[in-house]
Amino acid sequence: MGYVNYLAILVGALASIAIGWLWYSPALFGKQWMRATGMGELTPEKKAEGMKKMPKALVGSIIAQLVLAYVMSYFAQMMGVATSYGAIELAIWAWLGFAAVALVHPVLWEGKSWSYFAIVSGYSLVSFVVVALIVTLWV
């Protein structure tokens, strides 16, 4: 890969995490996601358990989103993507070919619902688009 804009990669990763916090919050799809995963309603006990896992999960999420942003940047450079339209097209194809395909397996094999698929893959799609726009257009 030629030029690597590490600041754009970092900002893209942080933007993806921020989208996830909002996406899975009670304000958007948090309650529906909990039902779709079989966790039920958020109780004080579940909230406390989640808070214990938060540091480890957050570090893992940061690493995963840094990888996503770096790979998206790599793909954009290799394909010569330099416009917002190209970035969105790249994100949609990457989502369809990688994330959506991987996320359909829990529905097909693990008994997850299509609403689970819609929530989780919807976050991935929005995240891919935002990250692709940031790493492609931030020169």
C-alpha atoms as a PDB file:
ATOM      1  CA  MET A   1       0.000   0.000   0.000  1.00  0.00           C
ATOM      2  CA  GLY A   2       1.243   3.457  -0.817  1.00  0.00           C
ATOM      3  CA  TYR A   3       0.411   6.366   1.471  1.00  0.00           C
ATOM      4  CA  VAL A   4      -1.253   5.413   4.736  1.00  0.00           C
ATOM      5  CA  ASN A   5      -3.236   8.126   6.493  1.00  0.00           C
ATOM      6  CA  TYR A   6      -3.117   6.748  10.018  1.00  0.00           C
ATOM      7  CA  LEU A   7      -5.144   9.657  11.389  1.00  0.00           C
ATOM      8  CA  ALA A   8      -7.975   8.889   8.941  1.00  0.00           C
ATOM      9  CA  ILE A   9      -7.789   5.218   9.934  1.00  0.00           C
ATOM     10  CA  LEU A  10      -7.993   6.128  13.629  1.00  0.00           C
ATOM     11  CA  VAL A  11     -10.889   8.538  13.068  1.00  0.00           C
ATOM     12  CA  GLY A  12     -12.687   5.982  10.901  1.00  0.00           C
ATOM     13  CA  ALA A  13     -12.305   3.343  13.614  1.00  0.00           C
ATOM     14  CA  LEU A  14     -13.548   5.713  16.321  1.00  0.00           C
ATOM     15  CA  ALA A  15     -16.467   6.786  14.122  1.00  0.00           C
ATOM     16  CA  SER A  16     -17.444   3.127  13.674  1.00  0.00           C
ATOM     17  CA  ILE A  17     -17.379   2.591  17.437  1.00  0.00           C
ATOM     18  CA  ALA A  18     -19.475   5.719  17.996  1.00  0.00           C
ATOM     19  CA  ILE A  19     -21.996   4.489  15.423  1.00  0.00           C
ATOM     20  CA  GLY A  20     -22.120   1.156  17.257  1.00  0.00           C
ATOM     21  CA  TRP A  21     -22.779   2.825  20.596  1.00  0.00           C
ATOM     22  CA  LEU A  22     -25.647   4.766  19.090  1.00  0.00           C
ATOM     23  CA  TRP A  23     -26.943   1.843  16.981  1.00  0.00           C
ATOM     24  CA  TYR A  24     -27.103  -0.555  19.927  1.00  0.00           C
ATOM     25  CA  SER A  25     -28.359   2.039  22.405  1.00  0.00           C
ATOM     26  CA  PRO A  26     -31.959   2.024  23.663  1.00  0.00           C
ATOM     27  CA  ALA A  27     -32.516   5.127  21.518  1.00  0.00           C
ATOM     28  CA  LEU A  28     -32.167   3.077  18.316  1.00  0.00           C
ATOM     29  CA  PHE A  29     -31.967  -0.713  18.165  1.00  0.00           C
ATOM     30  CA  GLY A  30     -30.651  -1.796  21.578  1.00  0.00           C
ATOM     31  CA  LYS A  31     -33.939  -3.184  22.887  1.00  0.00           C
ATOM     32  CA  GLN A  32     -34.763  -4.949  19.621  1.00  0.00           C
ATOM     33  CA  TRP A  33     -31.236  -6.377  19.441  1.00  0.00           C
ATOM     34  CA  MET A  34     -31.474  -7.742  22.993  1.00  0.00           C
ATOM     35  CA  ARG A  35     -34.770  -9.445  22.154  1.00  0.00           C
ATOM     36  CA  ALA A  36     -33.371 -10.803  18.885  1.00  0.00           C
ATOM     37  CA  THR A  37     -30.362 -12.306  20.675  1.00  0.00           C
ATOM     38  CA  GLY A  38     -32.572 -13.891  23.325  1.00  0.00           C
ATOM     39  CA  MET A  39     -31.200 -11.739  26.140  1.00  0.00           C
ATOM     40  CA  GLY A  40     -34.579 -10.248  26.934  1.00  0.00           C
ATOM     41  CA  GLU A  41     -34.895  -6.916  28.709  1.00  0.00           C
ATOM     42  CA  LEU A  42     -31.982  -4.997  30.193  1.00  0.00           C
ATOM     43  CA  THR A  43     -32.052  -5.561  33.945  1.00  0.00           C
ATOM     44  CA  PRO A  44     -29.728  -3.991  36.524  1.00  0.00           C
ATOM     45  CA  GLU A  45     -27.968  -7.375  36.801  1.00  0.00           C
ATOM     46  CA  LYS A  46     -27.401  -7.594  33.051  1.00  0.00           C
ATOM     47  CA  LYS A  47     -26.193  -4.003  32.996  1.00  0.00           C
ATOM     48  CA  ALA A  48     -23.685  -4.707  35.795  1.00  0.00           C
ATOM     49  CA  GLU A  49     -22.473  -7.850  34.000  1.00  0.00           C
ATOM     50  CA  GLY A  50     -22.052  -5.870  30.780  1.00  0.00           C
ATOM     51  CA  MET A  51     -20.081  -3.161  32.576  1.00  0.00           C
ATOM     52  CA  LYS A  52     -17.624  -5.794  33.841  1.00  0.00           C
ATOM     53  CA  LYS A  53     -17.003  -6.928  30.261  1.00  0.00           C
ATOM     54  CA  MET A  54     -16.777  -3.383  28.907  1.00  0.00           C
ATOM     55  CA  PRO A  55     -12.985  -2.740  29.097  1.00  0.00           C
ATOM     56  CA  LYS A  56     -12.042  -5.987  27.346  1.00  0.00           C
ATOM     57  CA  ALA A  57     -14.833  -5.642  24.791  1.00  0.00           C
ATOM     58  CA  LEU A  58     -13.916  -2.033  24.080  1.00  0.00           C
ATOM     59  CA  VAL A  59     -10.247  -2.879  23.462  1.00  0.00           C
ATOM     60  CA  GLY A  60     -11.283  -5.721  21.161  1.00  0.00           C
ATOM     61  CA  SER A  61     -13.703  -3.422  19.321  1.00  0.00           C
ATOM     62  CA  ILE A  62     -11.054  -0.744  18.849  1.00  0.00           C
ATOM     63  CA  ILE A  63      -8.635  -3.289  17.394  1.00  0.00           C
ATOM     64  CA  ALA A  64     -11.321  -4.751  15.115  1.00  0.00           C
ATOM     65  CA  GLN A  65     -12.370  -1.320  13.842  1.00  0.00           C
ATOM     66  CA  LEU A  66      -8.749  -0.288  13.252  1.00  0.00           C
ATOM     67  CA  VAL A  67      -8.344  -3.408  11.103  1.00  0.00           C
ATOM     68  CA  LEU A  68     -11.575  -2.569   9.257  1.00  0.00           C
ATOM     69  CA  ALA A  69     -10.444   1.002   8.564  1.00  0.00           C
ATOM     70  CA  TYR A  70      -6.970  -0.094   7.463  1.00  0.00           C
ATOM     71  CA  VAL A  71      -8.324  -2.772   5.109  1.00  0.00           C
ATOM     72  CA  MET A  72     -10.938  -0.371   3.708  1.00  0.00           C
ATOM     73  CA  SER A  73      -8.162   2.159   3.077  1.00  0.00           C
ATOM     74  CA  TYR A  74      -6.077  -0.549   1.404  1.00  0.00           C
ATOM     75  CA  PHE A  75      -8.964  -1.624  -0.831  1.00  0.00           C
ATOM     76  CA  ALA A  76      -9.713   2.003  -1.756  1.00  0.00           C
ATOM     77  CA  GLN A  77      -6.121   2.602  -2.785  1.00  0.00           C
ATOM     78  CA  MET A  78      -5.822  -0.666  -4.699  1.00  0.00           C
ATOM     79  CA  MET A  79      -9.032   0.109  -6.595  1.00  0.00           C
ATOM     80  CA  GLY A  80      -8.217   3.780  -7.170  1.00  0.00           C
ATOM     81  CA  VAL A  81     -11.284   5.012  -5.292  1.00  0.00           C
ATOM     82  CA  ALA A  82     -11.150   8.783  -4.869  1.00  0.00           C
ATOM     83  CA  THR A  83     -14.764  10.003  -4.790  1.00  0.00           C
ATOM     84  CA  SER A  84     -17.619   9.769  -2.329  1.00  0.00           C
ATOM     85  CA  TYR A  85     -19.603   7.704  -4.846  1.00  0.00           C
ATOM     86  CA  GLY A  86     -16.676   5.311  -5.215  1.00  0.00           C
ATOM     87  CA  ALA A  87     -16.269   5.058  -1.432  1.00  0.00           C
ATOM     88  CA  ILE A  88     -19.954   4.236  -0.959  1.00  0.00           C
ATOM     89  CA  GLU A  89     -19.834   1.684  -3.771  1.00  0.00           C
ATOM     90  CA  LEU A  90     -16.723   0.074  -2.250  1.00  0.00           C
ATOM     91  CA  ALA A  91     -18.393  -0.069   1.174  1.00  0.00           C
ATOM     92  CA  ILE A  92     -21.562  -1.657  -0.173  1.00  0.00           C
ATOM     93  CA  TRP A  93     -19.674  -4.327  -2.131  1.00  0.00           C
ATOM     94  CA  ALA A  94     -17.368  -5.053   0.821  1.00  0.00           C
ATOM     95  CA  TRP A  95     -20.389  -5.294   3.132  1.00  0.00           C
ATOM     96  CA  LEU A  96     -22.295  -7.551   0.749  1.00  0.00           C
ATOM     97  CA  GLY A  97     -19.350  -9.836   0.010  1.00  0.00           C
ATOM     98  CA  PHE A  98     -17.944 -10.122   3.516  1.00  0.00           C
ATOM     99  CA  ALA A  99     -20.161  -8.894   6.367  1.00  0.00           C
ATOM    100  CA  ALA A 100     -23.622  -9.793   5.053  1.00  0.00           C
ATOM    101  CA  VAL A 101     -22.474 -13.226   3.940  1.00  0.00           C
ATOM    102  CA  ALA A 102     -20.859 -13.932   7.321  1.00  0.00           C
ATOM    103  CA  LEU A 103     -23.807 -12.549   9.280  1.00  0.00           C
ATOM    104  CA  VAL A 104     -26.420 -14.649   7.503  1.00  0.00           C
ATOM    105  CA  HIS A 105     -24.947 -17.858   8.951  1.00  0.00           C
ATOM    106  CA  PRO A 106     -26.300 -17.305  12.488  1.00  0.00           C
ATOM    107  CA  VAL A 107     -29.778 -17.061  10.941  1.00  0.00           C
ATOM    108  CA  LEU A 108     -29.326 -20.170   8.828  1.00  0.00           C
ATOM    109  CA  TRP A 109     -27.509 -22.355  11.358  1.00  0.00           C
ATOM    110  CA  GLU A 110     -28.006 -20.953  14.854  1.00  0.00           C
ATOM    111  CA  GLY A 111     -31.670 -20.078  14.800  1.00  0.00           C
ATOM    112  CA  LYS A 112     -31.197 -16.307  14.980  1.00  0.00           C
ATOM    113  CA  SER A 113     -34.019 -14.255  13.537  1.00  0.00           C
ATOM    114  CA  TRP A 114     -33.993 -12.156  10.419  1.00  0.00           C
ATOM    115  CA  SER A 115     -34.512  -9.127  12.664  1.00  0.00           C
ATOM    116  CA  TYR A 116     -31.181 -10.012  14.309  1.00  0.00           C
ATOM    117  CA  PHE A 117     -29.602 -10.122  10.849  1.00  0.00           C
ATOM    118  CA  ALA A 118     -31.161  -6.781   9.900  1.00  0.00           C
ATOM    119  CA  ILE A 119     -29.938  -5.034  13.054  1.00  0.00           C
ATOM    120  CA  VAL A 120     -26.403  -6.425  13.048  1.00  0.00           C
ATOM    121  CA  SER A 121     -25.824  -6.236   9.310  1.00  0.00           C
ATOM    122  CA  GLY A 122     -27.426  -2.782   9.190  1.00  0.00           C
ATOM    123  CA  TYR A 123     -24.831  -1.532  11.670  1.00  0.00           C
ATOM    124  CA  SER A 124     -22.096  -3.114   9.562  1.00  0.00           C
ATOM    125  CA  LEU A 125     -23.368  -1.450   6.395  1.00  0.00           C
ATOM    126  CA  VAL A 126     -23.600   2.008   7.944  1.00  0.00           C
ATOM    127  CA  SER A 127     -20.199   1.570   9.581  1.00  0.00           C
ATOM    128  CA  PHE A 128     -18.586   0.383   6.327  1.00  0.00           C
ATOM    129  CA  VAL A 129     -19.966   3.397   4.449  1.00  0.00           C
ATOM    130  CA  VAL A 130     -18.786   5.920   7.045  1.00  0.00           C
ATOM    131  CA  VAL A 131     -15.342   4.335   7.343  1.00  0.00           C
ATOM    132  CA  ALA A 132     -14.945   4.134   3.562  1.00  0.00           C
ATOM    133  CA  LEU A 133     -15.878   7.807   3.189  1.00  0.00           C
ATOM    134  CA  ILE A 134     -13.412   8.865   5.888  1.00  0.00           C
ATOM    135  CA  VAL A 135     -10.423   6.828   4.694  1.00  0.00           C
ATOM    136  CA  THR A 136     -11.071   7.577   1.020  1.00  0.00           C
ATOM    137  CA  LEU A 137     -11.779  11.296   1.116  1.00  0.00           C
ATOM    138  CA  TRP A 138      -9.413  12.342   3.908  1.00  0.00           C
ATOM    139  CA  VAL A 139      -6.275  13.014   1.904  1.00  0.00           C
END
